[in-house]
Amino acid sequence: MSVRYTPVGWNRNKAIYDGVLVASVAAYLLLYLPVAPAFQDLTRPLDGPTLRMQAFGSAAFLMLSMVLAIGPLARLDRRFLPLLYNRRHFGVLTFVVALTHAGQVLGWYFDFGVADPYVALLGTNTSYGQVLGFPFELFGILALVVLAVLAVTSHDFWLNFLTPPLWKTMHMGVYAAYAAVILHVVLGRLQSGQNPLLAVLVAASVAILSVLHVLAGRRERARDLAGVPVVDPPWVDAGSVDAIAEGRAVVVPLPGDERVAVFRHKGRLSAVSNLCAHQNGPLGEGKVIGGCITCPWHGFTYRLADGRAPAPYTEKLATYRLKLDGRRVLLDPRANPPGTYVEPIPIPET
């Protein structure tokens, strides 16, 4: 999974995920065309091309909003984690829908003139000094360019080539794309005042995403601030062994924003860095499958004792020493070099 660069490593889960995505988009578009005109204040019926523009544009906006909501939802409730596994596929499909919307606009508004459609799009409206009539198309173009870059670089090849920190930083540009889309809609479609439902939809999207991110951020911040008590320097108290479910982990926050995942498997405990070597996914939210820690984001696996990915893969995690004091789990916060073998400690019978 991390070595062979194939276009898409298809499996049953990815096929179902993508199938549901495509079917949902198709259903939305088919429902929009006959239903949307009833919610718009118009003196005459909308033509087919305009309806298709609105259908693809609104679909892209809703999809982008959902993409941004998946992360905080998965933080707040583990039941949303399956939506997170192939979120990049969701993002690529969002770009395709947005590109189709742009193609519909160019094909309808600028194909009948003698000027090049792109020249006409960028040169017709120059009202940069006013809000009413501002060339909102520029924000749509900006959002489309950002989504294109993210879609093109979504493959693991670019993740490894650019390194995870740089790749992750670049893909945070999805928030810039969302802001550009909001400005594109507010300065464009909403100024006509013909579709009050769209105004409600945009306001609800901004409000819901803001609340979700604040709640998820506060929860993570509370975990970091709680910290863990030092009981026998350098050992810190990682909690009760009974609080760790079989095949699962507890995440222990350490100073410096470091986090350690302490896993329980077949009566033994092991500790590794909470950050997946693939894309910094939260390993502590994953589980042990087939004797290996499995990242909840993209399924990368690591052995419990040494934090190494099974051959032929080469990813390695930092490991940590553990010991028991009665039923309390003590953790040495000093990380071992990635891939260092640490004997799992057995859990005595209660």
Protein backbone atom coordinates (compact mmCIF):
# COMPACT_ATOMS: atom_id res chain seq x y z
CA MET A 1 0.00 0.00 0.00
CA SER A 2 2.84 2.40 0.71
CA VAL A 3 5.34 1.14 -1.88
CA ARG A 4 3.54 0.28 -5.11
CA TYR A 5 2.23 3.37 -6.88
CA THR A 6 -0.90 2.22 -8.67
CA PRO A 7 -3.60 4.72 -9.70
CA VAL A 8 -6.03 3.47 -7.03
CA GLY A 9 -5.58 0.51 -4.68
CA TRP A 10 -9.14 -0.71 -5.07
CA ASN A 11 -10.71 -2.87 -2.41
CA ARG A 12 -14.28 -3.66 -1.41
CA ASN A 13 -14.57 -0.76 1.03
CA LYS A 14 -13.28 1.78 -1.48
CA ALA A 15 -15.61 0.44 -4.18
CA ILE A 16 -18.62 0.75 -1.86
CA TYR A 17 -17.52 4.20 -0.68
CA ASP A 18 -17.09 5.51 -4.22
CA GLY A 19 -20.26 3.81 -5.43
CA VAL A 20 -22.33 5.49 -2.74
CA LEU A 21 -20.69 8.86 -3.52
CA VAL A 22 -21.39 8.68 -7.24
CA ALA A 23 -24.95 7.41 -6.70
CA SER A 24 -25.65 10.20 -4.18
CA VAL A 25 -24.37 12.91 -6.55
CA ALA A 26 -26.41 11.49 -9.43
CA ALA A 27 -29.54 11.33 -7.27
CA TYR A 28 -29.05 14.94 -6.14
CA LEU A 29 -28.66 16.21 -9.69
CA LEU A 30 -31.70 14.29 -10.93
CA LEU A 31 -33.85 15.61 -8.07
CA TYR A 32 -32.59 19.19 -8.37
CA LEU A 33 -33.73 19.75 -11.94
CA PRO A 34 -37.48 19.23 -11.34
CA VAL A 35 -37.63 20.41 -7.70
CA ALA A 36 -35.39 23.53 -7.55
CA PRO A 37 -37.56 25.90 -9.65
CA ALA A 38 -40.34 25.69 -7.05
CA PHE A 39 -38.06 27.34 -4.45
CA GLN A 40 -36.96 30.25 -6.64
CA ASP A 41 -38.72 33.60 -7.04
CA LEU A 42 -38.77 33.96 -10.81
CA THR A 43 -41.12 35.65 -13.26
CA ARG A 44 -40.41 33.07 -15.91
CA PRO A 45 -39.25 29.42 -15.83
CA LEU A 46 -35.54 28.70 -15.81
CA ASP A 47 -34.00 27.24 -18.95
CA GLY A 48 -32.28 23.87 -18.92
CA PRO A 49 -28.66 25.12 -19.10
CA THR A 50 -29.18 27.49 -16.17
CA LEU A 51 -30.74 24.73 -14.08
CA ARG A 52 -27.80 22.44 -14.84
CA MET A 53 -25.33 25.17 -13.82
CA GLN A 54 -27.14 25.62 -10.53
CA ALA A 55 -27.40 21.87 -9.97
CA PHE A 56 -23.67 21.21 -10.39
CA GLY A 57 -22.68 24.38 -8.54
CA SER A 58 -24.87 23.66 -5.51
CA ALA A 59 -23.77 20.02 -5.50
CA ALA A 60 -20.09 21.06 -5.44
CA PHE A 61 -20.76 23.48 -2.58
CA LEU A 62 -22.57 20.86 -0.50
CA MET A 63 -19.86 18.27 -1.17
CA LEU A 64 -17.08 20.66 -0.17
CA SER A 65 -18.96 21.48 3.04
CA MET A 66 -19.30 17.77 3.81
CA VAL A 67 -15.60 17.15 3.13
CA LEU A 68 -14.70 19.79 5.71
CA ALA A 69 -17.23 18.43 8.22
CA ILE A 70 -15.95 14.84 8.17
CA GLY A 71 -12.76 15.59 10.13
CA PRO A 72 -14.32 17.23 13.20
CA LEU A 73 -17.25 14.80 13.15
CA ALA A 74 -14.83 11.86 13.33
CA ARG A 75 -13.08 13.55 16.27
CA LEU A 76 -16.35 14.00 18.13
CA ASP A 77 -17.88 10.60 17.32
CA ARG A 78 -15.98 7.50 16.22
CA ARG A 79 -18.98 6.32 14.17
CA PHE A 80 -18.02 8.87 11.52
CA LEU A 81 -14.55 7.36 11.04
CA PRO A 82 -15.60 5.21 8.04
CA LEU A 83 -16.36 8.44 6.17
CA LEU A 84 -12.82 9.59 6.87
CA TYR A 85 -11.04 6.55 5.42
CA ASN A 86 -11.36 7.58 1.77
CA ARG A 87 -12.09 11.28 2.14
CA ARG A 88 -9.61 12.05 -0.63
CA HIS A 89 -11.93 10.27 -3.08
CA PHE A 90 -14.69 12.57 -1.87
CA GLY A 91 -12.46 15.57 -2.56
CA VAL A 92 -11.55 14.42 -6.08
CA LEU A 93 -15.22 13.91 -6.96
CA THR A 94 -15.98 17.38 -5.56
CA PHE A 95 -13.43 18.85 -7.99
CA VAL A 96 -14.97 16.94 -10.90
CA VAL A 97 -18.44 18.28 -10.07
CA ALA A 98 -17.10 21.83 -9.65
CA LEU A 99 -15.25 21.58 -12.99
CA THR A 100 -18.47 20.45 -14.67
CA HIS A 101 -20.22 23.49 -13.20
CA ALA A 102 -17.53 25.77 -14.66
CA GLY A 103 -17.81 24.05 -18.02
CA GLN A 104 -21.57 24.59 -18.04
CA VAL A 105 -21.10 28.29 -17.32
CA LEU A 106 -18.51 28.81 -20.06
CA GLY A 107 -20.53 26.82 -22.56
CA TRP A 108 -23.73 28.77 -22.03
CA TYR A 109 -22.67 32.38 -21.41
CA PHE A 110 -19.60 32.76 -23.59
CA ASP A 111 -19.90 30.35 -26.52
CA PHE A 112 -22.16 32.65 -28.53
CA GLY A 113 -19.72 35.55 -28.74
CA VAL A 114 -16.78 36.12 -31.06
CA ALA A 115 -14.28 36.60 -28.21
CA ASP A 116 -12.44 33.73 -26.59
CA PRO A 117 -14.61 32.44 -23.70
CA TYR A 118 -11.79 32.78 -21.16
CA VAL A 119 -10.96 36.31 -22.29
CA ALA A 120 -14.63 37.25 -22.10
CA LEU A 121 -14.96 35.69 -18.64
CA LEU A 122 -12.02 37.60 -17.19
CA GLY A 123 -12.30 40.85 -19.12
CA THR A 124 -16.02 41.62 -19.33
CA ASN A 125 -16.62 42.69 -15.73
CA THR A 126 -14.07 45.12 -14.26
CA SER A 127 -16.13 46.53 -11.36
CA TYR A 128 -13.47 45.84 -8.75
CA GLY A 129 -14.23 48.93 -6.69
CA GLN A 130 -17.75 47.99 -5.61
CA VAL A 131 -19.47 45.14 -3.82
CA LEU A 132 -22.59 45.09 -5.97
CA GLY A 133 -21.47 43.76 -9.32
CA PHE A 134 -17.97 42.71 -8.17
CA PRO A 135 -16.46 40.12 -10.59
CA PHE A 136 -17.30 37.17 -8.38
CA GLU A 137 -16.08 34.78 -11.08
CA LEU A 138 -12.51 35.33 -9.86
CA PHE A 139 -13.29 33.64 -6.55
CA GLY A 140 -14.83 30.70 -8.36
CA ILE A 141 -11.71 30.35 -10.50
CA LEU A 142 -9.50 30.52 -7.40
CA ALA A 143 -11.51 27.80 -5.67
CA LEU A 144 -11.39 25.60 -8.77
CA VAL A 145 -7.61 25.99 -9.10
CA VAL A 146 -7.08 25.04 -5.44
CA LEU A 147 -9.37 22.02 -5.76
CA ALA A 148 -7.53 20.99 -8.94
CA VAL A 149 -4.15 21.09 -7.19
CA LEU A 150 -5.50 19.06 -4.26
CA ALA A 151 -7.12 16.50 -6.57
CA VAL A 152 -3.99 16.07 -8.69
CA THR A 153 -1.75 15.65 -5.62
CA SER A 154 -4.12 13.40 -3.69
CA HIS A 155 -2.22 10.22 -4.60
CA ASP A 156 0.29 8.72 -2.16
CA PHE A 157 3.09 9.36 -4.65
CA TRP A 158 2.83 13.09 -3.95
CA LEU A 159 2.49 12.47 -0.23
CA ASN A 160 5.83 10.66 -0.15
CA PHE A 161 7.50 12.96 -2.70
CA LEU A 162 6.53 16.16 -0.90
CA THR A 163 6.84 14.61 2.62
CA PRO A 164 3.80 14.36 4.94
CA PRO A 165 4.26 17.77 6.69
CA LEU A 166 4.48 19.72 3.42
CA TRP A 167 1.69 17.67 1.79
CA LYS A 168 -0.59 18.18 4.77
CA THR A 169 0.13 21.91 4.86
CA MET A 170 -0.63 22.21 1.17
CA HIS A 171 -3.89 20.30 1.51
CA MET A 172 -5.03 22.66 4.24
CA GLY A 173 -5.66 24.91 1.25
CA VAL A 174 -9.09 23.30 1.08
CA TYR A 175 -10.16 25.93 3.62
CA ALA A 176 -9.03 28.68 1.24
CA ALA A 177 -11.08 27.01 -1.49
CA TYR A 178 -14.12 26.96 0.80
CA ALA A 179 -13.71 30.66 1.65
CA ALA A 180 -13.40 31.47 -2.07
CA VAL A 181 -16.57 29.50 -2.82
CA ILE A 182 -18.47 31.40 -0.11
CA LEU A 183 -17.35 34.73 -1.63
CA HIS A 184 -18.18 33.44 -5.11
CA VAL A 185 -21.75 32.67 -4.04
CA VAL A 186 -22.31 35.71 -1.81
CA LEU A 187 -21.04 38.22 -4.38
CA GLY A 188 -22.68 36.40 -7.25
CA ARG A 189 -25.78 34.30 -7.00
CA LEU A 190 -27.03 35.66 -3.68
CA GLN A 191 -27.04 39.26 -4.93
CA SER A 192 -29.88 38.43 -7.30
CA GLY A 193 -32.12 37.65 -4.32
CA GLN A 194 -34.00 35.07 -6.38
CA ASN A 195 -33.22 32.01 -4.29
CA PRO A 196 -33.72 32.52 -0.53
CA LEU A 197 -33.10 28.82 0.06
CA LEU A 198 -29.52 29.20 -1.19
CA ALA A 199 -28.89 32.01 1.30
CA VAL A 200 -30.13 29.78 4.13
CA LEU A 201 -27.98 26.91 2.86
CA VAL A 202 -24.81 29.02 2.75
CA ALA A 203 -25.40 30.51 6.21
CA ALA A 204 -26.16 27.07 7.67
CA SER A 205 -23.00 25.59 6.12
CA VAL A 206 -20.76 28.29 7.58
CA ALA A 207 -22.43 28.06 11.00
CA ILE A 208 -22.35 24.25 11.22
CA LEU A 209 -18.73 23.97 10.10
CA SER A 210 -17.66 26.69 12.53
CA VAL A 211 -19.41 25.00 15.45
CA LEU A 212 -18.05 21.55 14.58
CA HIS A 213 -14.46 22.79 14.34
CA VAL A 214 -14.72 24.75 17.58
CA LEU A 215 -16.16 21.76 19.45
CA ALA A 216 -13.53 19.37 18.06
CA GLY A 217 -10.75 21.85 18.83
CA ARG A 218 -11.95 22.39 22.39
CA ARG A 219 -12.11 18.65 22.97
CA GLU A 220 -8.57 18.10 21.73
CA ARG A 221 -7.32 21.11 23.67
CA ALA A 222 -8.90 19.81 26.87
CA ARG A 223 -7.09 16.50 26.41
CA ASP A 224 -3.77 18.27 25.93
CA LEU A 225 -4.22 20.51 28.95
CA ALA A 226 -5.23 17.62 31.18
CA GLY A 227 -1.82 16.04 30.76
CA VAL A 228 -0.70 13.07 32.84
CA PRO A 229 0.76 13.01 36.35
CA VAL A 230 4.44 12.15 36.89
CA VAL A 231 4.56 9.40 39.50
CA ASP A 232 8.17 8.19 39.40
CA PRO A 233 10.37 10.37 37.21
CA PRO A 234 10.52 9.99 34.31
CA TRP A 235 7.54 7.61 34.39
CA VAL A 236 4.07 9.13 33.96
CA ASP A 237 0.70 7.63 34.83
CA ALA A 238 -1.10 6.57 31.64
CA GLY A 239 -4.23 5.40 33.48
CA SER A 240 -5.73 2.11 34.49
CA VAL A 241 -5.09 -1.00 32.44
CA ASP A 242 -8.80 -1.78 32.77
CA ALA A 243 -9.61 1.38 30.79
CA ILE A 244 -7.96 -0.06 27.66
CA ALA A 245 -10.32 -2.23 25.60
CA GLU A 246 -9.00 -5.36 23.90
CA GLY A 247 -7.61 -4.51 20.48
CA ARG A 248 -7.90 -0.79 21.18
CA ALA A 249 -5.78 1.99 22.67
CA VAL A 250 -5.84 4.96 24.98
CA VAL A 251 -4.08 8.15 23.85
CA VAL A 252 -1.72 9.68 26.40
CA PRO A 253 -0.88 13.40 25.95
CA LEU A 254 2.71 14.37 26.73
CA PRO A 255 4.42 17.77 27.00
CA GLY A 256 5.28 19.38 23.69
CA ASP A 257 2.01 18.28 22.03
CA GLU A 258 3.29 14.72 21.72
CA ARG A 259 0.82 11.87 22.04
CA VAL A 260 1.37 8.18 22.64
CA ALA A 261 -1.05 5.36 21.85
CA VAL A 262 -1.04 2.52 24.39
CA PHE A 263 -2.55 -0.62 22.84
CA ARG A 264 -3.88 -3.77 24.51
CA HIS A 265 -3.73 -7.03 22.57
CA LYS A 266 -4.03 -10.61 23.80
CA GLY A 267 -3.16 -9.78 27.39
CA ARG A 268 -0.19 -7.55 26.60
CA LEU A 269 0.45 -3.81 26.35
CA SER A 270 2.53 -1.89 23.79
CA ALA A 271 3.04 1.82 23.18
CA VAL A 272 3.87 3.67 19.96
CA SER A 273 3.65 7.22 18.63
CA ASN A 274 0.07 8.26 17.99
CA LEU A 275 1.01 9.67 14.56
CA CYS A 276 0.82 7.38 11.55
CA ALA A 277 3.95 7.61 9.38
CA HIS A 278 1.76 7.89 6.28
CA GLN A 279 -0.23 11.07 6.89
CA ASN A 280 -0.02 11.67 10.65
CA GLY A 281 -3.32 9.87 11.17
CA PRO A 282 -4.41 9.23 14.80
CA LEU A 283 -3.35 5.63 15.41
CA GLY A 284 -4.95 5.62 18.86
CA GLU A 285 -8.34 5.87 17.18
CA GLY A 286 -7.62 2.72 15.20
CA LYS A 287 -7.57 -0.88 16.32
CA VAL A 288 -5.48 -4.05 16.19
CA ILE A 289 -6.32 -6.19 13.16
CA GLY A 290 -4.41 -9.39 12.43
CA GLY A 291 -1.95 -8.59 15.19
CA CYS A 292 -1.04 -5.19 13.75
CA ILE A 293 -2.07 -1.63 14.61
CA THR A 294 -4.26 -0.38 11.78
CA CYS A 295 -4.54 3.35 11.10
CA PRO A 296 -8.17 4.49 10.96
CA TRP A 297 -7.50 6.89 8.10
CA HIS A 298 -6.03 4.80 5.30
CA GLY A 299 -5.35 1.35 6.74
CA PHE A 300 -1.56 1.49 7.14
CA THR A 301 -0.42 -1.23 9.55
CA TYR A 302 2.37 -1.53 12.13
CA ARG A 303 3.60 -4.29 14.43
CA LEU A 304 2.91 -3.68 18.10
CA ALA A 305 6.33 -4.52 19.52
CA ASP A 306 8.61 -2.53 17.18
CA GLY A 307 6.29 -0.12 15.35
CA ARG A 308 7.46 -1.39 11.96
CA ALA A 309 5.17 -1.88 8.97
CA PRO A 310 5.15 -5.51 7.81
CA ALA A 311 7.43 -6.28 4.83
CA PRO A 312 7.77 -5.19 2.09
CA TYR A 313 6.76 -1.82 3.55
CA THR A 314 9.31 0.33 5.35
CA GLU A 315 7.40 2.81 7.56
CA LYS A 316 8.47 2.92 11.23
CA LEU A 317 7.03 4.44 14.38
CA ALA A 318 8.70 5.60 17.57
CA THR A 319 8.09 3.13 20.42
CA TYR A 320 7.86 3.65 24.19
CA ARG A 321 8.59 1.63 27.32
CA LEU A 322 5.79 0.63 29.66
CA LYS A 323 5.53 -0.94 33.09
CA LEU A 324 2.72 -1.75 35.50
CA ASP A 325 2.26 -0.53 39.05
CA GLY A 326 -0.61 -2.67 40.23
CA ARG A 327 -3.37 -1.90 37.74
CA ARG A 328 -1.85 1.44 36.73
CA VAL A 329 0.04 1.73 33.45
CA LEU A 330 3.25 3.73 33.66
CA LEU A 331 4.79 5.22 30.52
CA ASP A 332 8.34 6.40 29.91
CA PRO A 333 7.82 9.61 27.88
CA ARG A 334 11.24 9.36 26.26
CA ALA A 335 10.67 8.00 22.76
CA ASN A 336 12.83 5.22 21.36
CA PRO A 337 14.16 5.58 17.81
CA PRO A 338 11.55 4.54 15.21
CA GLY A 339 11.42 0.79 14.77
CA THR A 340 13.03 -0.03 18.16
CA TYR A 341 11.79 -3.34 19.58
CA VAL A 342 10.21 -3.11 23.04
CA GLU A 343 8.92 -6.29 24.65
CA PRO A 344 5.15 -5.98 25.27
CA ILE A 345 4.38 -6.17 28.99
CA PRO A 346 1.96 -8.88 30.16
CA ILE A 347 -1.17 -7.93 32.05
CA PRO A 348 -1.60 -9.93 35.26
CA GLU A 349 -4.95 -11.59 35.89
CA THR A 350 -7.40 -9.59 38.00
